[in-house]
């Protein structure tokens, strides 16, 4: 794969990362390294330096909240969860995603 293709793929992934985070947290509360693992398992390659600022931004926008929980392995973990505003945002992003897919499919015809 050439650099142009890889760059385009990276930009697409980055563009949908916020949506992916909200989708994962809609299923269950999670801590950052768990989110990283789930994203990587879905072939959404993300590094901590990208994820943490996005989580902070989403929290500051009122989309997420967090709580601390003791961990059986080391220090307490910060578990993120969706707020009501986050669920509303996810519903809007679901609609936008369906529109984007439909538009791309129409263009490809």
C-alpha atoms as a PDB file:
ATOM      1  CA  UNK A   1       0.000   0.000   0.000  1.00  0.00           C
ATOM      2  CA  UNK A   2       1.448   3.371  -0.947  1.00  0.00           C
ATOM      3  CA  UNK A   3       1.763   6.407   1.320  1.00  0.00           C
ATOM      4  CA  UNK A   4      -1.152   8.257  -0.303  1.00  0.00           C
ATOM      5  CA  UNK A   5      -3.516   5.330   0.288  1.00  0.00           C
ATOM      6  CA  UNK A   6      -2.300   4.819   3.856  1.00  0.00           C
ATOM      7  CA  UNK A   7      -2.713   8.536   4.609  1.00  0.00           C
ATOM      8  CA  UNK A   8      -6.265   8.502   3.222  1.00  0.00           C
ATOM      9  CA  UNK A   9      -7.122   5.472   5.354  1.00  0.00           C
ATOM     10  CA  UNK A  10      -5.650   7.120   8.454  1.00  0.00           C
ATOM     11  CA  UNK A  11      -7.699  10.273   7.857  1.00  0.00           C
ATOM     12  CA  UNK A  12     -10.885   8.242   7.416  1.00  0.00           C
ATOM     13  CA  UNK A  13     -10.231   6.322  10.656  1.00  0.00           C
ATOM     14  CA  UNK A  14      -9.530   9.518  12.540  1.00  0.00           C
ATOM     15  CA  UNK A  15     -12.745  11.018  11.188  1.00  0.00           C
ATOM     16  CA  UNK A  16     -14.895   8.220  12.589  1.00  0.00           C
ATOM     17  CA  UNK A  17     -13.029   7.655  15.861  1.00  0.00           C
ATOM     18  CA  UNK A  18     -15.341   9.877  17.921  1.00  0.00           C
ATOM     19  CA  UNK A  19     -18.319   7.955  16.584  1.00  0.00           C
ATOM     20  CA  UNK A  20     -16.644   4.600  17.351  1.00  0.00           C
ATOM     21  CA  UNK A  21     -15.942   5.647  20.944  1.00  0.00           C
ATOM     22  CA  UNK A  22     -19.582   6.620  21.487  1.00  0.00           C
ATOM     23  CA  UNK A  23     -20.722   3.321  19.932  1.00  0.00           C
ATOM     24  CA  UNK A  24     -18.509   1.292  22.267  1.00  0.00           C
ATOM     25  CA  UNK A  25     -19.581   3.232  25.349  1.00  0.00           C
ATOM     26  CA  UNK A  26     -23.244   2.820  24.402  1.00  0.00           C
ATOM     27  CA  UNK A  27     -22.743  -0.925  24.925  1.00  0.00           C
ATOM     28  CA  UNK A  28     -20.924  -0.679  28.251  1.00  0.00           C
ATOM     29  CA  UNK A  29     -18.817   1.625  30.393  1.00  0.00           C
ATOM     30  CA  UNK A  30     -15.101   1.211  29.731  1.00  0.00           C
ATOM     31  CA  UNK A  31     -11.682   2.510  30.712  1.00  0.00           C
ATOM     32  CA  UNK A  32      -9.277   3.924  28.139  1.00  0.00           C
ATOM     33  CA  UNK A  33      -7.021   0.904  27.645  1.00  0.00           C
ATOM     34  CA  UNK A  34     -10.097  -1.304  27.248  1.00  0.00           C
ATOM     35  CA  UNK A  35     -11.374   1.062  24.542  1.00  0.00           C
ATOM     36  CA  UNK A  36      -7.981   0.877  22.807  1.00  0.00           C
ATOM     37  CA  UNK A  37      -8.130  -2.924  22.863  1.00  0.00           C
ATOM     38  CA  UNK A  38     -11.673  -3.025  21.485  1.00  0.00           C
ATOM     39  CA  UNK A  39     -10.797  -0.554  18.726  1.00  0.00           C
ATOM     40  CA  UNK A  40      -7.682  -2.530  17.770  1.00  0.00           C
ATOM     41  CA  UNK A  41      -9.658  -5.792  17.728  1.00  0.00           C
ATOM     42  CA  UNK A  42     -11.996  -4.121  15.225  1.00  0.00           C
ATOM     43  CA  UNK A  43      -8.966  -3.098  13.108  1.00  0.00           C
ATOM     44  CA  UNK A  44      -9.346   0.557  14.091  1.00  0.00           C
ATOM     45  CA  UNK A  45      -5.708   1.230  14.902  1.00  0.00           C
ATOM     46  CA  UNK A  46      -5.489   4.035  17.444  1.00  0.00           C
ATOM     47  CA  UNK A  47      -2.692   5.163  19.723  1.00  0.00           C
ATOM     48  CA  UNK A  48      -3.061   6.494  23.259  1.00  0.00           C
ATOM     49  CA  UNK A  49      -1.928   9.933  22.131  1.00  0.00           C
ATOM     50  CA  UNK A  50      -5.014  10.148  19.928  1.00  0.00           C
ATOM     51  CA  UNK A  51      -7.545   8.491  22.241  1.00  0.00           C
ATOM     52  CA  UNK A  52      -6.923  10.376  25.480  1.00  0.00           C
ATOM     53  CA  UNK A  53      -7.351  13.894  24.035  1.00  0.00           C
ATOM     54  CA  UNK A  54     -10.553  12.757  22.309  1.00  0.00           C
ATOM     55  CA  UNK A  55     -11.950  11.347  25.575  1.00  0.00           C
ATOM     56  CA  UNK A  56     -11.125  14.629  27.341  1.00  0.00           C
ATOM     57  CA  UNK A  57     -12.764  16.628  24.548  1.00  0.00           C
ATOM     58  CA  UNK A  58     -15.901  14.463  24.621  1.00  0.00           C
ATOM     59  CA  UNK A  59     -16.058  14.799  28.415  1.00  0.00           C
ATOM     60  CA  UNK A  60     -15.669  18.583  28.174  1.00  0.00           C
ATOM     61  CA  UNK A  61     -18.493  18.641  25.604  1.00  0.00           C
ATOM     62  CA  UNK A  62     -20.729  16.863  28.106  1.00  0.00           C
ATOM     63  CA  UNK A  63     -20.926  13.659  26.043  1.00  0.00           C
ATOM     64  CA  UNK A  64     -19.098  11.500  28.593  1.00  0.00           C
ATOM     65  CA  UNK A  65     -18.705  11.268  32.306  1.00  0.00           C
ATOM     66  CA  UNK A  66     -16.373   9.087  34.322  1.00  0.00           C
ATOM     67  CA  UNK A  67     -15.968   7.400  37.668  1.00  0.00           C
ATOM     68  CA  UNK A  68     -12.991   5.827  39.395  1.00  0.00           C
ATOM     69  CA  UNK A  69     -13.060   2.113  40.245  1.00  0.00           C
ATOM     70  CA  UNK A  70     -10.501   0.028  42.069  1.00  0.00           C
ATOM     71  CA  UNK A  71      -8.633  -2.364  39.825  1.00  0.00           C
ATOM     72  CA  UNK A  72      -7.577  -5.886  40.782  1.00  0.00           C
ATOM     73  CA  UNK A  73      -4.388  -5.189  38.800  1.00  0.00           C
ATOM     74  CA  UNK A  74      -2.774  -1.929  39.847  1.00  0.00           C
ATOM     75  CA  UNK A  75      -4.119   1.575  40.356  1.00  0.00           C
ATOM     76  CA  UNK A  76      -7.795   2.597  40.134  1.00  0.00           C
ATOM     77  CA  UNK A  77      -9.253   2.876  36.638  1.00  0.00           C
ATOM     78  CA  UNK A  78     -11.222   5.757  35.166  1.00  0.00           C
ATOM     79  CA  UNK A  79     -14.381   4.275  33.633  1.00  0.00           C
ATOM     80  CA  UNK A  80     -16.103   6.383  30.982  1.00  0.00           C
ATOM     81  CA  UNK A  81     -19.829   6.292  30.292  1.00  0.00           C
ATOM     82  CA  UNK A  82     -22.226   8.154  28.028  1.00  0.00           C
ATOM     83  CA  UNK A  83     -24.315  10.985  29.372  1.00  0.00           C
ATOM     84  CA  UNK A  84     -27.821  11.680  28.089  1.00  0.00           C
ATOM     85  CA  UNK A  85     -26.253  14.309  25.825  1.00  0.00           C
ATOM     86  CA  UNK A  86     -23.800  11.653  24.611  1.00  0.00           C
ATOM     87  CA  UNK A  87     -26.661   9.308  23.743  1.00  0.00           C
ATOM     88  CA  UNK A  88     -28.387  12.111  21.835  1.00  0.00           C
ATOM     89  CA  UNK A  89     -25.142  12.842  19.983  1.00  0.00           C
ATOM     90  CA  UNK A  90     -24.743   9.155  19.150  1.00  0.00           C
ATOM     91  CA  UNK A  91     -28.261   9.051  17.684  1.00  0.00           C
ATOM     92  CA  UNK A  92     -27.431  12.076  15.513  1.00  0.00           C
ATOM     93  CA  UNK A  93     -24.178  10.454  14.420  1.00  0.00           C
ATOM     94  CA  UNK A  94     -26.038   7.215  13.601  1.00  0.00           C
ATOM     95  CA  UNK A  95     -28.291   9.213  11.282  1.00  0.00           C
ATOM     96  CA  UNK A  96     -25.320  11.013   9.724  1.00  0.00           C
ATOM     97  CA  UNK A  97     -23.486   7.717   9.214  1.00  0.00           C
ATOM     98  CA  UNK A  98     -26.471   6.183   7.391  1.00  0.00           C
ATOM     99  CA  UNK A  99     -26.699   9.282   5.187  1.00  0.00           C
ATOM    100  CA  UNK A 100     -22.993   9.126   4.344  1.00  0.00           C
ATOM    101  CA  UNK A 101     -23.183   5.436   3.444  1.00  0.00           C
ATOM    102  CA  UNK A 102     -26.256   6.026   1.260  1.00  0.00           C
ATOM    103  CA  UNK A 103     -24.563   8.957  -0.474  1.00  0.00           C
ATOM    104  CA  UNK A 104     -21.396   6.990  -1.176  1.00  0.00           C
ATOM    105  CA  UNK A 105     -23.402   4.032  -2.495  1.00  0.00           C
ATOM    106  CA  UNK A 106     -25.369   6.384  -4.762  1.00  0.00           C
ATOM    107  CA  UNK A 107     -22.174   7.962  -6.090  1.00  0.00           C
ATOM    108  CA  UNK A 108     -20.602   4.550  -6.734  1.00  0.00           C
ATOM    109  CA  UNK A 109     -23.545   3.421  -8.941  1.00  0.00           C
END
